[in-house]
């Protein structure tokens, strides 16, 4: 997620997008409330370890289905979906539109300074795809899968 955010920020410097902020965080749960309140739209990006992963494949997840996403849920916090529900109970305005992209990885437990080459190869295509999505926020267009991005990651964004 952090690498995609960095690549997206670089793209935005080259091809500016008004009213787009790239925020980074190493935590999810309650932290998402502080990070995202008052935004109309959010795109969350993280790594994902499903059963039998295909490293480097990008999936688009729904907010309630964030189990297995490294920082969007953990044992000492609440899930991203629960954070949004909690914010709603407290009348904290949260994004009405949330898109989650997750890059599959085989191992998110080993501490390393780098990603595997196959996961790294998904970073730039996903950043490019997100930039394209953000380039036309009011006029949705069918998203085309960039190289290395699975079809389910490329549904129409409203």
C-alpha atoms as a PDB file:
ATOM      1  CA  UNK A   1       0.000   0.000   0.000  1.00  0.00           C
ATOM      2  CA  UNK A   2       2.710   2.465   0.948  1.00  0.00           C
ATOM      3  CA  UNK A   3       4.631   1.781  -2.269  1.00  0.00           C
ATOM      4  CA  UNK A   4       1.482   2.307  -4.359  1.00  0.00           C
ATOM      5  CA  UNK A   5       0.773   5.555  -2.490  1.00  0.00           C
ATOM      6  CA  UNK A   6       4.315   6.748  -3.240  1.00  0.00           C
ATOM      7  CA  UNK A   7       3.960   5.834  -6.931  1.00  0.00           C
ATOM      8  CA  UNK A   8       0.546   7.519  -7.058  1.00  0.00           C
ATOM      9  CA  UNK A   9       1.950  10.678  -5.445  1.00  0.00           C
ATOM     10  CA  UNK A  10       4.677  10.746  -8.094  1.00  0.00           C
ATOM     11  CA  UNK A  11       2.046  10.436 -10.854  1.00  0.00           C
ATOM     12  CA  UNK A  12       0.022  13.241  -9.299  1.00  0.00           C
ATOM     13  CA  UNK A  13       3.104  15.479  -9.292  1.00  0.00           C
ATOM     14  CA  UNK A  14       3.500  14.811 -13.035  1.00  0.00           C
ATOM     15  CA  UNK A  15      -0.235  14.936 -13.830  1.00  0.00           C
ATOM     16  CA  UNK A  16      -1.942  16.956 -11.065  1.00  0.00           C
ATOM     17  CA  UNK A  17      -5.371  16.014  -9.787  1.00  0.00           C
ATOM     18  CA  UNK A  18      -7.236  18.785  -7.969  1.00  0.00           C
ATOM     19  CA  UNK A  19      -8.763  17.961  -4.605  1.00  0.00           C
ATOM     20  CA  UNK A  20      -6.873  14.664  -4.277  1.00  0.00           C
ATOM     21  CA  UNK A  21      -4.811  14.007  -1.173  1.00  0.00           C
ATOM     22  CA  UNK A  22      -2.535  10.991  -0.889  1.00  0.00           C
ATOM     23  CA  UNK A  23      -2.390   9.976   2.762  1.00  0.00           C
ATOM     24  CA  UNK A  24      -0.305   7.159   4.185  1.00  0.00           C
ATOM     25  CA  UNK A  25      -0.690   5.169   7.355  1.00  0.00           C
ATOM     26  CA  UNK A  26       0.718   2.018   8.838  1.00  0.00           C
ATOM     27  CA  UNK A  27      -2.406   1.327  10.878  1.00  0.00           C
ATOM     28  CA  UNK A  28      -6.092   0.776  10.138  1.00  0.00           C
ATOM     29  CA  UNK A  29      -9.058   0.414  12.464  1.00  0.00           C
ATOM     30  CA  UNK A  30      -9.744   3.449  14.661  1.00  0.00           C
ATOM     31  CA  UNK A  31      -6.932   5.322  12.920  1.00  0.00           C
ATOM     32  CA  UNK A  32      -9.008   5.346   9.714  1.00  0.00           C
ATOM     33  CA  UNK A  33     -11.583   7.552  11.428  1.00  0.00           C
ATOM     34  CA  UNK A  34      -8.965  10.215  12.189  1.00  0.00           C
ATOM     35  CA  UNK A  35      -7.441   9.876   8.750  1.00  0.00           C
ATOM     36  CA  UNK A  36     -10.557   9.874   6.573  1.00  0.00           C
ATOM     37  CA  UNK A  37     -13.245  11.900   8.327  1.00  0.00           C
ATOM     38  CA  UNK A  38     -14.746  14.660   6.187  1.00  0.00           C
ATOM     39  CA  UNK A  39     -13.552  13.133   2.901  1.00  0.00           C
ATOM     40  CA  UNK A  40     -16.223  12.301   0.307  1.00  0.00           C
ATOM     41  CA  UNK A  41     -14.282   9.454  -1.322  1.00  0.00           C
ATOM     42  CA  UNK A  42     -11.469   7.163  -0.253  1.00  0.00           C
ATOM     43  CA  UNK A  43      -9.338   4.585  -1.972  1.00  0.00           C
ATOM     44  CA  UNK A  44      -7.546   2.278   0.448  1.00  0.00           C
ATOM     45  CA  UNK A  45      -4.573   0.220  -0.698  1.00  0.00           C
ATOM     46  CA  UNK A  46      -2.865  -2.574   1.190  1.00  0.00           C
ATOM     47  CA  UNK A  47      -1.407  -6.036   0.878  1.00  0.00           C
ATOM     48  CA  UNK A  48      -3.653  -9.058   1.228  1.00  0.00           C
ATOM     49  CA  UNK A  49      -3.012 -12.662   2.204  1.00  0.00           C
ATOM     50  CA  UNK A  50      -5.980 -14.810   1.204  1.00  0.00           C
ATOM     51  CA  UNK A  51      -5.873 -18.598   1.343  1.00  0.00           C
ATOM     52  CA  UNK A  52      -3.782 -19.834  -1.603  1.00  0.00           C
ATOM     53  CA  UNK A  53      -2.624 -16.357  -2.696  1.00  0.00           C
ATOM     54  CA  UNK A  54      -1.440 -15.450  -6.158  1.00  0.00           C
ATOM     55  CA  UNK A  55       1.333 -12.976  -5.291  1.00  0.00           C
ATOM     56  CA  UNK A  56       1.097  -9.770  -7.281  1.00  0.00           C
ATOM     57  CA  UNK A  57      -2.567 -10.161  -8.187  1.00  0.00           C
ATOM     58  CA  UNK A  58      -4.677  -7.106  -7.366  1.00  0.00           C
ATOM     59  CA  UNK A  59      -8.171  -7.499  -5.981  1.00  0.00           C
ATOM     60  CA  UNK A  60     -10.866  -4.970  -5.332  1.00  0.00           C
ATOM     61  CA  UNK A  61     -12.542  -5.638  -1.995  1.00  0.00           C
ATOM     62  CA  UNK A  62     -15.728  -4.379  -0.434  1.00  0.00           C
ATOM     63  CA  UNK A  63     -15.430  -2.656   2.937  1.00  0.00           C
ATOM     64  CA  UNK A  64     -17.141  -5.488   4.898  1.00  0.00           C
ATOM     65  CA  UNK A  65     -14.764  -8.041   3.360  1.00  0.00           C
ATOM     66  CA  UNK A  66     -11.403  -6.770   4.573  1.00  0.00           C
ATOM     67  CA  UNK A  67     -10.377  -9.879   6.529  1.00  0.00           C
ATOM     68  CA  UNK A  68      -6.804 -10.765   5.621  1.00  0.00           C
ATOM     69  CA  UNK A  69      -5.813  -7.238   4.636  1.00  0.00           C
ATOM     70  CA  UNK A  70      -2.707  -6.511   6.663  1.00  0.00           C
ATOM     71  CA  UNK A  71      -3.368  -3.052   8.123  1.00  0.00           C
ATOM     72  CA  UNK A  72      -7.099  -2.748   7.569  1.00  0.00           C
ATOM     73  CA  UNK A  73      -7.768  -5.295  10.313  1.00  0.00           C
ATOM     74  CA  UNK A  74      -5.706  -6.662  13.168  1.00  0.00           C
ATOM     75  CA  UNK A  75      -6.189  -8.444  16.480  1.00  0.00           C
ATOM     76  CA  UNK A  76      -5.695  -5.302  18.605  1.00  0.00           C
ATOM     77  CA  UNK A  77      -8.043  -3.014  16.747  1.00  0.00           C
ATOM     78  CA  UNK A  78     -11.302  -3.017  14.832  1.00  0.00           C
ATOM     79  CA  UNK A  79     -11.763  -3.756  11.136  1.00  0.00           C
ATOM     80  CA  UNK A  80     -12.109  -1.016   8.556  1.00  0.00           C
ATOM     81  CA  UNK A  81     -15.820  -1.824   8.230  1.00  0.00           C
ATOM     82  CA  UNK A  82     -16.262  -1.584  12.007  1.00  0.00           C
ATOM     83  CA  UNK A  83     -14.414   1.747  12.047  1.00  0.00           C
ATOM     84  CA  UNK A  84     -16.868   3.143   9.499  1.00  0.00           C
ATOM     85  CA  UNK A  85     -19.824   1.760  11.486  1.00  0.00           C
ATOM     86  CA  UNK A  86     -18.435   3.245  14.703  1.00  0.00           C
ATOM     87  CA  UNK A  87     -17.944   6.626  13.032  1.00  0.00           C
ATOM     88  CA  UNK A  88     -21.551   6.510  11.803  1.00  0.00           C
ATOM     89  CA  UNK A  89     -22.784   5.863  15.351  1.00  0.00           C
ATOM     90  CA  UNK A  90     -20.894   8.948  16.495  1.00  0.00           C
ATOM     91  CA  UNK A  91     -22.107  11.012  13.507  1.00  0.00           C
ATOM     92  CA  UNK A  92     -18.557  11.434  12.246  1.00  0.00           C
ATOM     93  CA  UNK A  93     -18.704  12.095   8.503  1.00  0.00           C
ATOM     94  CA  UNK A  94     -16.794   9.429   6.613  1.00  0.00           C
ATOM     95  CA  UNK A  95     -16.374   8.843   2.871  1.00  0.00           C
ATOM     96  CA  UNK A  96     -19.576   7.623   1.249  1.00  0.00           C
ATOM     97  CA  UNK A  97     -17.540   5.977  -1.498  1.00  0.00           C
ATOM     98  CA  UNK A  98     -14.793   3.580  -0.426  1.00  0.00           C
ATOM     99  CA  UNK A  99     -12.750   1.492  -2.822  1.00  0.00           C
ATOM    100  CA  UNK A 100     -10.214  -0.990  -1.512  1.00  0.00           C
ATOM    101  CA  UNK A 101      -7.416  -2.366  -3.649  1.00  0.00           C
ATOM    102  CA  UNK A 102      -5.334  -5.170  -2.187  1.00  0.00           C
ATOM    103  CA  UNK A 103      -2.218  -6.701  -3.698  1.00  0.00           C
ATOM    104  CA  UNK A 104      -1.954 -10.379  -2.870  1.00  0.00           C
ATOM    105  CA  UNK A 105       1.201 -11.494  -1.116  1.00  0.00           C
ATOM    106  CA  UNK A 106       2.253 -14.937   0.066  1.00  0.00           C
ATOM    107  CA  UNK A 107       4.068 -13.740   3.186  1.00  0.00           C
ATOM    108  CA  UNK A 108       3.224 -10.621   5.182  1.00  0.00           C
ATOM    109  CA  UNK A 109       4.820 -11.859   8.395  1.00  0.00           C
ATOM    110  CA  UNK A 110       8.490 -11.766   7.389  1.00  0.00           C
ATOM    111  CA  UNK A 111      10.047  -8.365   8.040  1.00  0.00           C
ATOM    112  CA  UNK A 112      11.924  -7.064   5.025  1.00  0.00           C
ATOM    113  CA  UNK A 113      12.943  -3.737   3.533  1.00  0.00           C
ATOM    114  CA  UNK A 114      11.735  -4.807   0.098  1.00  0.00           C
ATOM    115  CA  UNK A 115       8.877  -6.561  -1.631  1.00  0.00           C
ATOM    116  CA  UNK A 116       9.178  -9.660  -3.717  1.00  0.00           C
ATOM    117  CA  UNK A 117       9.706  -8.822  -7.403  1.00  0.00           C
ATOM    118  CA  UNK A 118       6.256 -10.114  -8.382  1.00  0.00           C
ATOM    119  CA  UNK A 119       4.504  -7.939  -5.792  1.00  0.00           C
ATOM    120  CA  UNK A 120       6.711  -4.961  -6.719  1.00  0.00           C
ATOM    121  CA  UNK A 121       5.670  -5.425 -10.354  1.00  0.00           C
ATOM    122  CA  UNK A 122       2.025  -4.733  -9.398  1.00  0.00           C
ATOM    123  CA  UNK A 123       2.787  -1.347  -7.796  1.00  0.00           C
ATOM    124  CA  UNK A 124       3.126   0.948 -10.834  1.00  0.00           C
ATOM    125  CA  UNK A 125       0.220  -0.549 -12.819  1.00  0.00           C
ATOM    126  CA  UNK A 126      -2.048  -0.172  -9.792  1.00  0.00           C
ATOM    127  CA  UNK A 127      -0.900   3.434  -9.199  1.00  0.00           C
ATOM    128  CA  UNK A 128      -1.577   4.199 -12.873  1.00  0.00           C
ATOM    129  CA  UNK A 129      -5.019   2.559 -12.633  1.00  0.00           C
ATOM    130  CA  UNK A 130      -5.952   4.563  -9.530  1.00  0.00           C
ATOM    131  CA  UNK A 131      -4.758   7.796 -11.161  1.00  0.00           C
ATOM    132  CA  UNK A 132      -7.023   7.031 -14.130  1.00  0.00           C
ATOM    133  CA  UNK A 133      -9.961   6.400 -11.798  1.00  0.00           C
ATOM    134  CA  UNK A 134      -9.349   9.662  -9.982  1.00  0.00           C
ATOM    135  CA  UNK A 135      -8.924  11.597 -13.212  1.00  0.00           C
ATOM    136  CA  UNK A 136     -12.648  11.382 -13.939  1.00  0.00           C
ATOM    137  CA  UNK A 137     -14.418  11.301 -10.555  1.00  0.00           C
ATOM    138  CA  UNK A 138     -17.759  12.612 -11.830  1.00  0.00           C
ATOM    139  CA  UNK A 139     -17.951  10.640 -15.048  1.00  0.00           C
ATOM    140  CA  UNK A 140     -17.356   6.970 -14.357  1.00  0.00           C
ATOM    141  CA  UNK A 141     -15.920   4.988 -17.196  1.00  0.00           C
ATOM    142  CA  UNK A 142     -15.284   1.302 -17.483  1.00  0.00           C
ATOM    143  CA  UNK A 143     -11.927   0.563 -15.958  1.00  0.00           C
ATOM    144  CA  UNK A 144      -9.497  -1.454 -18.014  1.00  0.00           C
ATOM    145  CA  UNK A 145      -7.246  -3.876 -16.174  1.00  0.00           C
ATOM    146  CA  UNK A 146      -3.642  -2.698 -16.281  1.00  0.00           C
ATOM    147  CA  UNK A 147      -0.980  -5.336 -16.718  1.00  0.00           C
ATOM    148  CA  UNK A 148      -0.773  -7.460 -13.619  1.00  0.00           C
ATOM    149  CA  UNK A 149      -4.169  -6.412 -12.269  1.00  0.00           C
ATOM    150  CA  UNK A 150      -6.907  -9.023 -12.028  1.00  0.00           C
ATOM    151  CA  UNK A 151     -10.294  -8.284 -13.548  1.00  0.00           C
ATOM    152  CA  UNK A 152     -12.088  -8.067 -10.219  1.00  0.00           C
ATOM    153  CA  UNK A 153      -9.883  -5.093  -9.351  1.00  0.00           C
ATOM    154  CA  UNK A 154     -11.265  -3.085 -12.226  1.00  0.00           C
ATOM    155  CA  UNK A 155     -14.972  -2.687 -11.663  1.00  0.00           C
ATOM    156  CA  UNK A 156     -16.666   0.589 -12.439  1.00  0.00           C
ATOM    157  CA  UNK A 157     -16.154   3.213  -9.741  1.00  0.00           C
ATOM    158  CA  UNK A 158     -18.993   5.668  -9.105  1.00  0.00           C
END
